[in-house]
């Protein structure tokens, strides 16, 4: 029997949820989950390590690596094959205003979560 999936913590939902190629005749879609988006945001955009990302999202480093690999493949598939990239769904919860700021020197990008909290 598989382990239950842990709810992943994200700082905020994406502002933009659809990306479409210009000039494609027909549009197939590739769906990126909110937690895949969050891992890409932390690792590629904010330059966090997988360990830092795992701490921020309250999941294991190996789970971050698995999510990251899946997300990168979906993004590549959308770009190479001219698919619409949709960001939606998943098993997540948005931080409640402080817990995601647990890393020293990191601040949540969620505007309602502006204070720092150095206790994990």
PDB file of N, CA and C in Angstrom:
ATOM      1  N   UNK A   1       0.844  -1.171   0.000  1.00  0.00           N
ATOM      2  CA  UNK A   1       0.000   0.000   0.000  1.00  0.00           C
ATOM      3  C   UNK A   1       0.896   1.243   0.000  1.00  0.00           C
ATOM      4  N   UNK A   2       0.687   2.170  -0.955  1.00  0.00           N
ATOM      5  CA  UNK A   2       1.540   3.358  -1.026  1.00  0.00           C
ATOM      6  C   UNK A   2       1.274   4.323   0.119  1.00  0.00           C
ATOM      7  N   UNK A   3       2.304   5.102   0.405  1.00  0.00           N
ATOM      8  CA  UNK A   3       2.178   6.118   1.453  1.00  0.00           C
ATOM      9  C   UNK A   3       1.236   7.215   0.979  1.00  0.00           C
ATOM     10  N   UNK A   4       0.519   7.836   1.894  1.00  0.00           N
ATOM     11  CA  UNK A   4      -0.334   8.965   1.494  1.00  0.00           C
ATOM     12  C   UNK A   4       0.539  10.147   1.048  1.00  0.00           C
ATOM     13  N   UNK A   5       0.050  10.881   0.066  1.00  0.00           N
ATOM     14  CA  UNK A   5       0.796  12.025  -0.442  1.00  0.00           C
ATOM     15  C   UNK A   5       0.682  13.176   0.548  1.00  0.00           C
ATOM     16  N   UNK A   6       1.829  13.751   0.897  1.00  0.00           N
ATOM     17  CA  UNK A   6       1.875  14.871   1.826  1.00  0.00           C
ATOM     18  C   UNK A   6       1.410  16.141   1.106  1.00  0.00           C
ATOM     19  N   UNK A   7       0.632  16.947   1.783  1.00  0.00           N
ATOM     20  CA  UNK A   7       0.197  18.223   1.214  1.00  0.00           C
ATOM     21  C   UNK A   7       1.409  19.140   1.160  1.00  0.00           C
ATOM     22  N   UNK A   8       1.654  19.733   0.002  1.00  0.00           N
ATOM     23  CA  UNK A   8       2.834  20.580  -0.184  1.00  0.00           C
ATOM     24  C   UNK A   8       2.491  22.031   0.119  1.00  0.00           C
ATOM     25  N   UNK A   9       3.415  22.749   0.736  1.00  0.00           N
ATOM     26  CA  UNK A   9       3.207  24.142   1.102  1.00  0.00           C
ATOM     27  C   UNK A   9       3.753  25.036  -0.006  1.00  0.00           C
ATOM     28  N   UNK A  10       2.953  25.980  -0.462  1.00  0.00           N
ATOM     29  CA  UNK A  10       3.396  26.958  -1.458  1.00  0.00           C
ATOM     30  C   UNK A  10       3.171  28.359  -0.901  1.00  0.00           C
ATOM     31  N   UNK A  11       3.992  29.300  -1.336  1.00  0.00           N
ATOM     32  CA  UNK A  11       3.880  30.678  -0.841  1.00  0.00           C
ATOM     33  C   UNK A  11       2.696  31.401  -1.456  1.00  0.00           C
ATOM     34  N   UNK A  12       2.448  31.167  -2.733  1.00  0.00           N
ATOM     35  CA  UNK A  12       1.339  31.820  -3.419  1.00  0.00           C
ATOM     36  C   UNK A  12       1.026  31.067  -4.697  1.00  0.00           C
ATOM     37  N   UNK A  13      -0.188  31.208  -5.157  1.00  0.00           N
ATOM     38  CA  UNK A  13      -0.563  30.614  -6.430  1.00  0.00           C
ATOM     39  C   UNK A  13      -0.033  31.499  -7.557  1.00  0.00           C
ATOM     40  N   UNK A  14       0.221  30.931  -8.727  1.00  0.00           N
ATOM     41  CA  UNK A  14       0.785  31.742  -9.819  1.00  0.00           C
ATOM     42  C   UNK A  14      -0.181  32.825 -10.302  1.00  0.00           C
ATOM     43  N   UNK A  15       0.370  33.947 -10.722  1.00  0.00           N
ATOM     44  CA  UNK A  15      -0.435  35.038 -11.267  1.00  0.00           C
ATOM     45  C   UNK A  15      -0.909  34.713 -12.679  1.00  0.00           C
ATOM     46  N   UNK A  16      -0.103  33.966 -13.407  1.00  0.00           N
ATOM     47  CA  UNK A  16      -0.419  33.612 -14.786  1.00  0.00           C
ATOM     48  C   UNK A  16      -0.498  32.094 -14.878  1.00  0.00           C
ATOM     49  N   UNK A  17      -1.566  31.588 -15.460  1.00  0.00           N
ATOM     50  CA  UNK A  17      -1.785  30.146 -15.443  1.00  0.00           C
ATOM     51  C   UNK A  17      -1.866  29.505 -16.823  1.00  0.00           C
ATOM     52  N   UNK A  18      -1.743  30.276 -17.890  1.00  0.00           N
ATOM     53  CA  UNK A  18      -1.797  29.728 -19.243  1.00  0.00           C
ATOM     54  C   UNK A  18      -0.728  30.374 -20.106  1.00  0.00           C
ATOM     55  N   UNK A  19       0.016  29.540 -20.808  1.00  0.00           N
ATOM     56  CA  UNK A  19       1.024  30.011 -21.751  1.00  0.00           C
ATOM     57  C   UNK A  19       0.801  29.252 -23.049  1.00  0.00           C
ATOM     58  N   UNK A  20       0.631  29.980 -24.147  1.00  0.00           N
ATOM     59  CA  UNK A  20       0.311  29.346 -25.420  1.00  0.00           C
ATOM     60  C   UNK A  20       1.317  29.745 -26.490  1.00  0.00           C
ATOM     61  N   UNK A  21       1.676  28.803 -27.350  1.00  0.00           N
ATOM     62  CA  UNK A  21       2.596  29.120 -28.438  1.00  0.00           C
ATOM     63  C   UNK A  21       1.883  29.937 -29.518  1.00  0.00           C
ATOM     64  N   UNK A  22       2.594  30.873 -30.086  1.00  0.00           N
ATOM     65  CA  UNK A  22       2.049  31.675 -31.177  1.00  0.00           C
ATOM     66  C   UNK A  22       2.259  30.908 -32.476  1.00  0.00           C
ATOM     67  N   UNK A  23       1.225  30.834 -33.285  1.00  0.00           N
ATOM     68  CA  UNK A  23       1.353  30.221 -34.601  1.00  0.00           C
ATOM     69  C   UNK A  23       1.074  28.731 -34.675  1.00  0.00           C
ATOM     70  N   UNK A  24       0.705  28.111 -33.590  1.00  0.00           N
ATOM     71  CA  UNK A  24       0.382  26.683 -33.627  1.00  0.00           C
ATOM     72  C   UNK A  24      -1.004  26.499 -34.246  1.00  0.00           C
ATOM     73  N   UNK A  25      -1.160  25.447 -35.069  1.00  0.00           N
ATOM     74  CA  UNK A  25      -2.437  25.181 -35.728  1.00  0.00           C
ATOM     75  C   UNK A  25      -3.464  24.605 -34.768  1.00  0.00           C
ATOM     76  N   UNK A  26      -3.039  23.664 -33.953  1.00  0.00           N
ATOM     77  CA  UNK A  26      -3.948  23.105 -32.954  1.00  0.00           C
ATOM     78  C   UNK A  26      -3.219  23.118 -31.617  1.00  0.00           C
ATOM     79  N   UNK A  27      -3.993  23.189 -30.569  1.00  0.00           N
ATOM     80  CA  UNK A  27      -3.403  23.324 -29.254  1.00  0.00           C
ATOM     81  C   UNK A  27      -3.694  22.111 -28.382  1.00  0.00           C
ATOM     82  N   UNK A  28      -2.648  21.361 -28.077  1.00  0.00           N
ATOM     83  CA  UNK A  28      -2.731  20.347 -27.037  1.00  0.00           C
ATOM     84  C   UNK A  28      -2.247  21.026 -25.764  1.00  0.00           C
ATOM     85  N   UNK A  29      -2.605  20.458 -24.632  1.00  0.00           N
ATOM     86  CA  UNK A  29      -2.211  21.086 -23.370  1.00  0.00           C
ATOM     87  C   UNK A  29      -1.313  20.176 -22.548  1.00  0.00           C
ATOM     88  N   UNK A  30      -0.416  20.792 -21.834  1.00  0.00           N
ATOM     89  CA  UNK A  30       0.415  20.123 -20.832  1.00  0.00           C
ATOM     90  C   UNK A  30       0.094  20.808 -19.510  1.00  0.00           C
ATOM     91  N   UNK A  31      -0.276  20.019 -18.488  1.00  0.00           N
ATOM     92  CA  UNK A  31      -0.675  20.589 -17.202  1.00  0.00           C
ATOM     93  C   UNK A  31       0.470  20.467 -16.201  1.00  0.00           C
ATOM     94  N   UNK A  32       0.880  21.607 -15.677  1.00  0.00           N
ATOM     95  CA  UNK A  32       1.887  21.701 -14.631  1.00  0.00           C
ATOM     96  C   UNK A  32       1.127  21.957 -13.332  1.00  0.00           C
ATOM     97  N   UNK A  33       1.336  21.123 -12.317  1.00  0.00           N
ATOM     98  CA  UNK A  33       0.621  21.330 -11.057  1.00  0.00           C
ATOM     99  C   UNK A  33       1.205  22.538 -10.321  1.00  0.00           C
ATOM    100  N   UNK A  34       0.454  23.039  -9.355  1.00  0.00           N
ATOM    101  CA  UNK A  34       0.910  24.195  -8.573  1.00  0.00           C
ATOM    102  C   UNK A  34       2.209  23.869  -7.842  1.00  0.00           C
ATOM    103  N   UNK A  35       2.332  22.651  -7.302  1.00  0.00           N
ATOM    104  CA  UNK A  35       3.574  22.318  -6.597  1.00  0.00           C
ATOM    105  C   UNK A  35       4.746  22.158  -7.567  1.00  0.00           C
ATOM    106  N   UNK A  36       4.503  21.724  -8.803  1.00  0.00           N
ATOM    107  CA  UNK A  36       5.576  21.691  -9.797  1.00  0.00           C
ATOM    108  C   UNK A  36       6.018  23.113 -10.128  1.00  0.00           C
ATOM    109  N   UNK A  37       5.046  24.001 -10.290  1.00  0.00           N
ATOM    110  CA  UNK A  37       5.348  25.415 -10.519  1.00  0.00           C
ATOM    111  C   UNK A  37       6.188  25.978  -9.370  1.00  0.00           C
ATOM    112  N   UNK A  38       5.799  25.655  -8.133  1.00  0.00           N
ATOM    113  CA  UNK A  38       6.489  26.176  -6.954  1.00  0.00           C
ATOM    114  C   UNK A  38       7.938  25.681  -6.892  1.00  0.00           C
ATOM    115  N   UNK A  39       8.171  24.420  -7.217  1.00  0.00           N
ATOM    116  CA  UNK A  39       9.537  23.887  -7.228  1.00  0.00           C
ATOM    117  C   UNK A  39      10.368  24.593  -8.303  1.00  0.00           C
ATOM    118  N   UNK A  40       9.812  24.775  -9.494  1.00  0.00           N
ATOM    119  CA  UNK A  40      10.524  25.493 -10.562  1.00  0.00           C
ATOM    120  C   UNK A  40      10.825  26.930 -10.121  1.00  0.00           C
ATOM    121  N   UNK A  41       9.856  27.575  -9.477  1.00  0.00           N
ATOM    122  CA  UNK A  41      10.046  28.952  -8.999  1.00  0.00           C
ATOM    123  C   UNK A  41      11.181  29.029  -7.988  1.00  0.00           C
ATOM    124  N   UNK A  42      11.187  28.105  -7.042  1.00  0.00           N
ATOM    125  CA  UNK A  42      12.242  28.117  -6.018  1.00  0.00           C
ATOM    126  C   UNK A  42      13.610  27.757  -6.590  1.00  0.00           C
ATOM    127  N   UNK A  43      13.680  26.668  -7.330  1.00  0.00           N
ATOM    128  CA  UNK A  43      14.985  26.156  -7.787  1.00  0.00           C
ATOM    129  C   UNK A  43      15.554  26.974  -8.950  1.00  0.00           C
ATOM    130  N   UNK A  44      14.766  27.209  -9.982  1.00  0.00           N
ATOM    131  CA  UNK A  44      15.293  27.887 -11.171  1.00  0.00           C
ATOM    132  C   UNK A  44      15.237  29.414 -11.078  1.00  0.00           C
ATOM    133  N   UNK A  45      14.185  29.945 -10.492  1.00  0.00           N
ATOM    134  CA  UNK A  45      14.034  31.397 -10.451  1.00  0.00           C
ATOM    135  C   UNK A  45      14.708  32.012  -9.228  1.00  0.00           C
ATOM    136  N   UNK A  46      14.499  31.412  -8.059  1.00  0.00           N
ATOM    137  CA  UNK A  46      15.094  31.954  -6.832  1.00  0.00           C
ATOM    138  C   UNK A  46      16.457  31.343  -6.517  1.00  0.00           C
ATOM    139  N   UNK A  47      16.906  30.406  -7.326  1.00  0.00           N
ATOM    140  CA  UNK A  47      18.223  29.773  -7.187  1.00  0.00           C
ATOM    141  C   UNK A  47      18.414  29.067  -5.848  1.00  0.00           C
ATOM    142  N   UNK A  48      17.355  28.464  -5.319  1.00  0.00           N
ATOM    143  CA  UNK A  48      17.475  27.672  -4.092  1.00  0.00           C
ATOM    144  C   UNK A  48      18.041  26.301  -4.434  1.00  0.00           C
ATOM    145  N   UNK A  49      18.664  25.683  -3.461  1.00  0.00           N
ATOM    146  CA  UNK A  49      19.052  24.285  -3.614  1.00  0.00           C
ATOM    147  C   UNK A  49      17.799  23.427  -3.421  1.00  0.00           C
ATOM    148  N   UNK A  50      17.894  22.166  -3.791  1.00  0.00           N
ATOM    149  CA  UNK A  50      16.762  21.261  -3.578  1.00  0.00           C
ATOM    150  C   UNK A  50      16.469  21.122  -2.088  1.00  0.00           C
ATOM    151  N   UNK A  51      17.500  21.163  -1.278  1.00  0.00           N
ATOM    152  CA  UNK A  51      17.315  21.058   0.169  1.00  0.00           C
ATOM    153  C   UNK A  51      16.579  22.281   0.724  1.00  0.00           C
ATOM    154  N   UNK A  52      16.959  23.476   0.278  1.00  0.00           N
ATOM    155  CA  UNK A  52      16.272  24.693   0.715  1.00  0.00           C
ATOM    156  C   UNK A  52      14.812  24.698   0.261  1.00  0.00           C
ATOM    157  N   UNK A  53      14.595  24.272  -0.969  1.00  0.00           N
ATOM    158  CA  UNK A  53      13.240  24.195  -1.509  1.00  0.00           C
ATOM    159  C   UNK A  53      12.398  23.210  -0.698  1.00  0.00           C
ATOM    160  N   UNK A  54      12.973  22.079  -0.373  1.00  0.00           N
ATOM    161  CA  UNK A  54      12.266  21.063   0.418  1.00  0.00           C
ATOM    162  C   UNK A  54      11.851  21.626   1.767  1.00  0.00           C
ATOM    163  N   UNK A  55      12.762  22.333   2.411  1.00  0.00           N
ATOM    164  CA  UNK A  55      12.456  22.945   3.706  1.00  0.00           C
ATOM    165  C   UNK A  55      11.323  23.957   3.569  1.00  0.00           C
ATOM    166  N   UNK A  56      11.406  24.781   2.541  1.00  0.00           N
ATOM    167  CA  UNK A  56      10.400  25.820   2.294  1.00  0.00           C
ATOM    168  C   UNK A  56       9.018  25.210   2.049  1.00  0.00           C
ATOM    169  N   UNK A  57       8.970  24.078   1.352  1.00  0.00           N
ATOM    170  CA  UNK A  57       7.688  23.459   0.987  1.00  0.00           C
ATOM    171  C   UNK A  57       7.241  22.382   1.975  1.00  0.00           C
ATOM    172  N   UNK A  58       8.044  22.104   2.991  1.00  0.00           N
ATOM    173  CA  UNK A  58       7.740  21.094   4.017  1.00  0.00           C
ATOM    174  C   UNK A  58       7.601  19.699   3.426  1.00  0.00           C
ATOM    175  N   UNK A  59       8.539  19.352   2.530  1.00  0.00           N
ATOM    176  CA  UNK A  59       8.591  18.016   1.929  1.00  0.00           C
ATOM    177  C   UNK A  59      10.047  17.555   1.914  1.00  0.00           C
ATOM    178  N   UNK A  60      10.282  16.316   1.521  1.00  0.00           N
ATOM    179  CA  UNK A  60      11.654  15.800   1.506  1.00  0.00           C
ATOM    180  C   UNK A  60      12.417  16.279   0.268  1.00  0.00           C
ATOM    181  N   UNK A  61      13.741  16.262   0.361  1.00  0.00           N
ATOM    182  CA  UNK A  61      14.578  16.665  -0.763  1.00  0.00           C
ATOM    183  C   UNK A  61      14.378  15.734  -1.953  1.00  0.00           C
ATOM    184  N   UNK A  62      14.221  14.444  -1.697  1.00  0.00           N
ATOM    185  CA  UNK A  62      14.014  13.505  -2.808  1.00  0.00           C
ATOM    186  C   UNK A  62      12.679  13.768  -3.511  1.00  0.00           C
ATOM    187  N   UNK A  63      11.679  14.190  -2.753  1.00  0.00           N
ATOM    188  CA  UNK A  63      10.393  14.552  -3.372  1.00  0.00           C
ATOM    189  C   UNK A  63      10.563  15.785  -4.245  1.00  0.00           C
ATOM    190  N   UNK A  64      11.329  16.763  -3.785  1.00  0.00           N
ATOM    191  CA  UNK A  64      11.611  17.955  -4.594  1.00  0.00           C
ATOM    192  C   UNK A  64      12.271  17.541  -5.902  1.00  0.00           C
ATOM    193  N   UNK A  65      13.252  16.662  -5.842  1.00  0.00           N
ATOM    194  CA  UNK A  65      13.953  16.213  -7.045  1.00  0.00           C
ATOM    195  C   UNK A  65      12.998  15.535  -8.009  1.00  0.00           C
ATOM    196  N   UNK A  66      12.111  14.690  -7.509  1.00  0.00           N
ATOM    197  CA  UNK A  66      11.135  14.011  -8.371  1.00  0.00           C
ATOM    198  C   UNK A  66      10.178  15.016  -9.016  1.00  0.00           C
ATOM    199  N   UNK A  67       9.678  15.948  -8.223  1.00  0.00           N
ATOM    200  CA  UNK A  67       8.762  16.971  -8.741  1.00  0.00           C
ATOM    201  C   UNK A  67       9.479  17.821  -9.784  1.00  0.00           C
ATOM    202  N   UNK A  68      10.723  18.197  -9.502  1.00  0.00           N
ATOM    203  CA  UNK A  68      11.517  19.043 -10.388  1.00  0.00           C
ATOM    204  C   UNK A  68      11.731  18.365 -11.749  1.00  0.00           C
ATOM    205  N   UNK A  69      12.090  17.095 -11.731  1.00  0.00           N
ATOM    206  CA  UNK A  69      12.319  16.366 -12.986  1.00  0.00           C
ATOM    207  C   UNK A  69      11.041  16.268 -13.815  1.00  0.00           C
ATOM    208  N   UNK A  70       9.928  15.994 -13.164  1.00  0.00           N
ATOM    209  CA  UNK A  70       8.645  15.912 -13.858  1.00  0.00           C
ATOM    210  C   UNK A  70       8.265  17.266 -14.456  1.00  0.00           C
ATOM    211  N   UNK A  71       8.435  18.321 -13.667  1.00  0.00           N
ATOM    212  CA  UNK A  71       8.094  19.666 -14.133  1.00  0.00           C
ATOM    213  C   UNK A  71       8.954  20.078 -15.321  1.00  0.00           C
ATOM    214  N   UNK A  72      10.246  19.833 -15.245  1.00  0.00           N
ATOM    215  CA  UNK A  72      11.144  20.193 -16.352  1.00  0.00           C
ATOM    216  C   UNK A  72      10.771  19.457 -17.635  1.00  0.00           C
ATOM    217  N   UNK A  73      10.400  18.179 -17.509  1.00  0.00           N
ATOM    218  CA  UNK A  73       9.986  17.409 -18.692  1.00  0.00           C
ATOM    219  C   UNK A  73       8.713  17.996 -19.297  1.00  0.00           C
ATOM    220  N   UNK A  74       7.750  18.362 -18.461  1.00  0.00           N
ATOM    221  CA  UNK A  74       6.493  18.937 -18.959  1.00  0.00           C
ATOM    222  C   UNK A  74       6.742  20.269 -19.662  1.00  0.00           C
ATOM    223  N   UNK A  75       7.589  21.095 -19.087  1.00  0.00           N
ATOM    224  CA  UNK A  75       7.897  22.395 -19.691  1.00  0.00           C
ATOM    225  C   UNK A  75       8.596  22.198 -21.032  1.00  0.00           C
ATOM    226  N   UNK A  76       9.555  21.286 -21.073  1.00  0.00           N
ATOM    227  CA  UNK A  76      10.258  21.006 -22.328  1.00  0.00           C
ATOM    228  C   UNK A  76       9.294  20.481 -23.389  1.00  0.00           C
ATOM    229  N   UNK A  77       8.400  19.581 -22.998  1.00  0.00           N
ATOM    230  CA  UNK A  77       7.414  19.033 -23.930  1.00  0.00           C
ATOM    231  C   UNK A  77       6.533  20.149 -24.492  1.00  0.00           C
ATOM    232  N   UNK A  78       6.090  21.064 -23.651  1.00  0.00           N
ATOM    233  CA  UNK A  78       5.247  22.167 -24.103  1.00  0.00           C
ATOM    234  C   UNK A  78       5.998  23.073 -25.082  1.00  0.00           C
ATOM    235  N   UNK A  79       7.256  23.368 -24.780  1.00  0.00           N
ATOM    236  CA  UNK A  79       8.042  24.249 -25.647  1.00  0.00           C
ATOM    237  C   UNK A  79       8.372  23.571 -26.978  1.00  0.00           C
ATOM    238  N   UNK A  80       8.855  22.354 -26.929  1.00  0.00           N
ATOM    239  CA  UNK A  80       9.304  21.655 -28.129  1.00  0.00           C
ATOM    240  C   UNK A  80       8.141  21.265 -29.036  1.00  0.00           C
ATOM    241  N   UNK A  81       7.031  20.840 -28.444  1.00  0.00           N
ATOM    242  CA  UNK A  81       5.905  20.350 -29.235  1.00  0.00           C
ATOM    243  C   UNK A  81       4.773  21.360 -29.392  1.00  0.00           C
ATOM    244  N   UNK A  82       5.001  22.605 -29.010  1.00  0.00           N
ATOM    245  CA  UNK A  82       4.020  23.660 -29.220  1.00  0.00           C
ATOM    246  C   UNK A  82       2.714  23.444 -28.487  1.00  0.00           C
ATOM    247  N   UNK A  83       2.805  23.018 -27.242  1.00  0.00           N
ATOM    248  CA  UNK A  83       1.605  22.782 -26.441  1.00  0.00           C
ATOM    249  C   UNK A  83       1.326  23.980 -25.536  1.00  0.00           C
ATOM    250  N   UNK A  84       0.055  24.133 -25.183  1.00  0.00           N
ATOM    251  CA  UNK A  84      -0.323  25.138 -24.188  1.00  0.00           C
ATOM    252  C   UNK A  84       0.144  24.615 -22.838  1.00  0.00           C
ATOM    253  N   UNK A  85       0.758  25.464 -22.053  1.00  0.00           N
ATOM    254  CA  UNK A  85       1.182  25.081 -20.705  1.00  0.00           C
ATOM    255  C   UNK A  85       0.173  25.668 -19.722  1.00  0.00           C
ATOM    256  N   UNK A  86      -0.527  24.783 -18.998  1.00  0.00           N
ATOM    257  CA  UNK A  86      -1.530  25.186 -18.012  1.00  0.00           C
ATOM    258  C   UNK A  86      -0.981  24.886 -16.623  1.00  0.00           C
ATOM    259  N   UNK A  87      -1.127  25.830 -15.718  1.00  0.00           N
ATOM    260  CA  UNK A  87      -0.688  25.623 -14.334  1.00  0.00           C
ATOM    261  C   UNK A  87      -1.930  25.572 -13.469  1.00  0.00           C
ATOM    262  N   UNK A  88      -2.204  24.379 -12.933  1.00  0.00           N
ATOM    263  CA  UNK A  88      -3.425  24.203 -12.145  1.00  0.00           C
ATOM    264  C   UNK A  88      -3.388  22.899 -11.369  1.00  0.00           C
ATOM    265  N   UNK A  89      -4.195  22.833 -10.340  1.00  0.00           N
ATOM    266  CA  UNK A  89      -4.393  21.593  -9.594  1.00  0.00           C
ATOM    267  C   UNK A  89      -3.209  21.194  -8.736  1.00  0.00           C
ATOM    268  N   UNK A  90      -3.321  20.013  -8.169  1.00  0.00           N
ATOM    269  CA  UNK A  90      -2.270  19.478  -7.324  1.00  0.00           C
ATOM    270  C   UNK A  90      -2.750  19.283  -5.901  1.00  0.00           C
ATOM    271  N   UNK A  91      -1.821  18.907  -5.049  1.00  0.00           N
ATOM    272  CA  UNK A  91      -2.104  18.634  -3.649  1.00  0.00           C
ATOM    273  C   UNK A  91      -1.271  19.604  -2.819  1.00  0.00           C
ATOM    274  N   UNK A  92      -1.812  20.795  -2.582  1.00  0.00           N
ATOM    275  CA  UNK A  92      -1.039  21.842  -1.937  1.00  0.00           C
ATOM    276  C   UNK A  92      -1.931  22.687  -1.030  1.00  0.00           C
ATOM    277  N   UNK A  93      -1.255  23.503  -0.223  1.00  0.00           N
ATOM    278  CA  UNK A  93      -1.944  24.531   0.555  1.00  0.00           C
ATOM    279  C   UNK A  93      -1.075  25.780   0.523  1.00  0.00           C
ATOM    280  N   UNK A  94      -1.718  26.928   0.500  1.00  0.00           N
ATOM    281  CA  UNK A  94      -1.006  28.204   0.487  1.00  0.00           C
ATOM    282  C   UNK A  94      -0.629  28.542   1.921  1.00  0.00           C
ATOM    283  N   UNK A  95       0.591  29.034   2.133  1.00  0.00           N
ATOM    284  CA  UNK A  95       1.063  29.347   3.481  1.00  0.00           C
ATOM    285  C   UNK A  95       0.122  30.322   4.168  1.00  0.00           C
ATOM    286  N   UNK A  96       0.118  30.273   5.482  1.00  0.00           N
ATOM    287  CA  UNK A  96      -0.849  31.069   6.234  1.00  0.00           C
ATOM    288  C   UNK A  96      -0.290  32.382   6.780  1.00  0.00           C
ATOM    289  N   UNK A  97       0.862  32.795   6.306  1.00  0.00           N
ATOM    290  CA  UNK A  97       1.338  34.103   6.716  1.00  0.00           C
ATOM    291  C   UNK A  97       2.565  34.124   7.591  1.00  0.00           C
ATOM    292  N   UNK A  98       3.393  33.136   7.591  1.00  0.00           N
ATOM    293  CA  UNK A  98       4.618  33.183   8.373  1.00  0.00           C
ATOM    294  C   UNK A  98       5.422  31.919   8.320  1.00  0.00           C
ATOM    295  N   UNK A  99       4.753  30.779   8.264  1.00  0.00           N
ATOM    296  CA  UNK A  99       5.470  29.507   8.337  1.00  0.00           C
ATOM    297  C   UNK A  99       6.405  29.285   7.151  1.00  0.00           C
ATOM    298  N   UNK A 100       6.094  29.828   5.990  1.00  0.00           N
ATOM    299  CA  UNK A 100       6.957  29.598   4.832  1.00  0.00           C
ATOM    300  C   UNK A 100       8.202  30.476   4.871  1.00  0.00           C
ATOM    301  N   UNK A 101       8.250  31.399   5.786  1.00  0.00           N
ATOM    302  CA  UNK A 101       9.406  32.287   5.915  1.00  0.00           C
ATOM    303  C   UNK A 101      10.409  31.735   6.916  1.00  0.00           C
ATOM    304  N   UNK A 102      10.396  30.427   7.101  1.00  0.00           N
ATOM    305  CA  UNK A 102      11.167  29.817   8.173  1.00  0.00           C
ATOM    306  C   UNK A 102      12.673  29.838   7.949  1.00  0.00           C
ATOM    307  N   UNK A 103      13.124  30.007   6.713  1.00  0.00           N
ATOM    308  CA  UNK A 103      14.565  29.988   6.478  1.00  0.00           C
ATOM    309  C   UNK A 103      15.171  31.354   6.758  1.00  0.00           C
ATOM    310  N   UNK A 104      16.239  31.347   7.490  1.00  0.00           N
ATOM    311  CA  UNK A 104      16.931  32.599   7.763  1.00  0.00           C
ATOM    312  C   UNK A 104      17.416  33.199   6.451  1.00  0.00           C
ATOM    313  N   UNK A 105      17.163  34.459   6.260  1.00  0.00           N
ATOM    314  CA  UNK A 105      17.604  35.135   5.051  1.00  0.00           C
ATOM    315  C   UNK A 105      16.655  34.982   3.880  1.00  0.00           C
ATOM    316  N   UNK A 106      15.597  34.225   4.016  1.00  0.00           N
ATOM    317  CA  UNK A 106      14.617  34.058   2.938  1.00  0.00           C
ATOM    318  C   UNK A 106      13.343  34.767   3.337  1.00  0.00           C
ATOM    319  N   UNK A 107      12.692  35.364   2.389  1.00  0.00           N
ATOM    320  CA  UNK A 107      11.412  35.991   2.671  1.00  0.00           C
ATOM    321  C   UNK A 107      10.399  35.497   1.655  1.00  0.00           C
ATOM    322  N   UNK A 108       9.239  35.182   2.136  1.00  0.00           N
ATOM    323  CA  UNK A 108       8.163  34.698   1.293  1.00  0.00           C
ATOM    324  C   UNK A 108       7.781  35.774   0.289  1.00  0.00           C
ATOM    325  N   UNK A 109       7.438  35.376  -0.917  1.00  0.00           N
ATOM    326  CA  UNK A 109       7.027  36.341  -1.926  1.00  0.00           C
ATOM    327  C   UNK A 109       5.559  36.709  -1.792  1.00  0.00           C
ATOM    328  N   UNK A 110       4.848  36.025  -0.933  1.00  0.00           N
ATOM    329  CA  UNK A 110       3.443  36.321  -0.687  1.00  0.00           C
ATOM    330  C   UNK A 110       3.382  37.634   0.091  1.00  0.00           C
ATOM    331  N   UNK A 111       2.718  38.637  -0.462  1.00  0.00           N
ATOM    332  CA  UNK A 111       2.702  39.968   0.162  1.00  0.00           C
ATOM    333  C   UNK A 111       2.049  39.966   1.533  1.00  0.00           C
ATOM    334  N   UNK A 112       1.159  39.023   1.793  1.00  0.00           N
ATOM    335  CA  UNK A 112       0.522  38.963   3.113  1.00  0.00           C
ATOM    336  C   UNK A 112       1.417  38.272   4.123  1.00  0.00           C
ATOM    337  N   UNK A 113       2.548  37.811   3.672  1.00  0.00           N
ATOM    338  CA  UNK A 113       3.463  37.047   4.523  1.00  0.00           C
ATOM    339  C   UNK A 113       4.795  37.778   4.593  1.00  0.00           C
ATOM    340  N   UNK A 114       4.807  39.029   4.963  1.00  0.00           N
ATOM    341  CA  UNK A 114       6.004  39.841   4.900  1.00  0.00           C
ATOM    342  C   UNK A 114       6.959  39.708   6.060  1.00  0.00           C
ATOM    343  N   UNK A 115       6.504  39.215   7.191  1.00  0.00           N
ATOM    344  CA  UNK A 115       7.397  39.134   8.349  1.00  0.00           C
ATOM    345  C   UNK A 115       8.331  37.932   8.244  1.00  0.00           C
ATOM    346  N   UNK A 116       9.440  38.010   8.925  1.00  0.00           N
ATOM    347  CA  UNK A 116      10.381  36.894   8.962  1.00  0.00           C
ATOM    348  C   UNK A 116      10.108  36.053  10.193  1.00  0.00           C
ATOM    349  N   UNK A 117      10.280  34.768  10.060  1.00  0.00           N
ATOM    350  CA  UNK A 117      10.090  33.839  11.173  1.00  0.00           C
ATOM    351  C   UNK A 117      11.228  32.839  11.101  1.00  0.00           C
ATOM    352  N   UNK A 118      12.134  32.901  12.026  1.00  0.00           N
ATOM    353  CA  UNK A 118      13.303  32.019  11.982  1.00  0.00           C
ATOM    354  C   UNK A 118      13.103  30.697  12.674  1.00  0.00           C
ATOM    355  N   UNK A 119      11.884  30.341  13.032  1.00  0.00           N
ATOM    356  CA  UNK A 119      11.598  29.055  13.644  1.00  0.00           C
ATOM    357  C   UNK A 119      10.917  28.149  12.639  1.00  0.00           C
ATOM    358  N   UNK A 120      11.555  27.007  12.269  1.00  0.00           N
ATOM    359  CA  UNK A 120      10.959  26.125  11.264  1.00  0.00           C
ATOM    360  C   UNK A 120       9.636  25.531  11.685  1.00  0.00           C
TER     361      UNK A 120
END
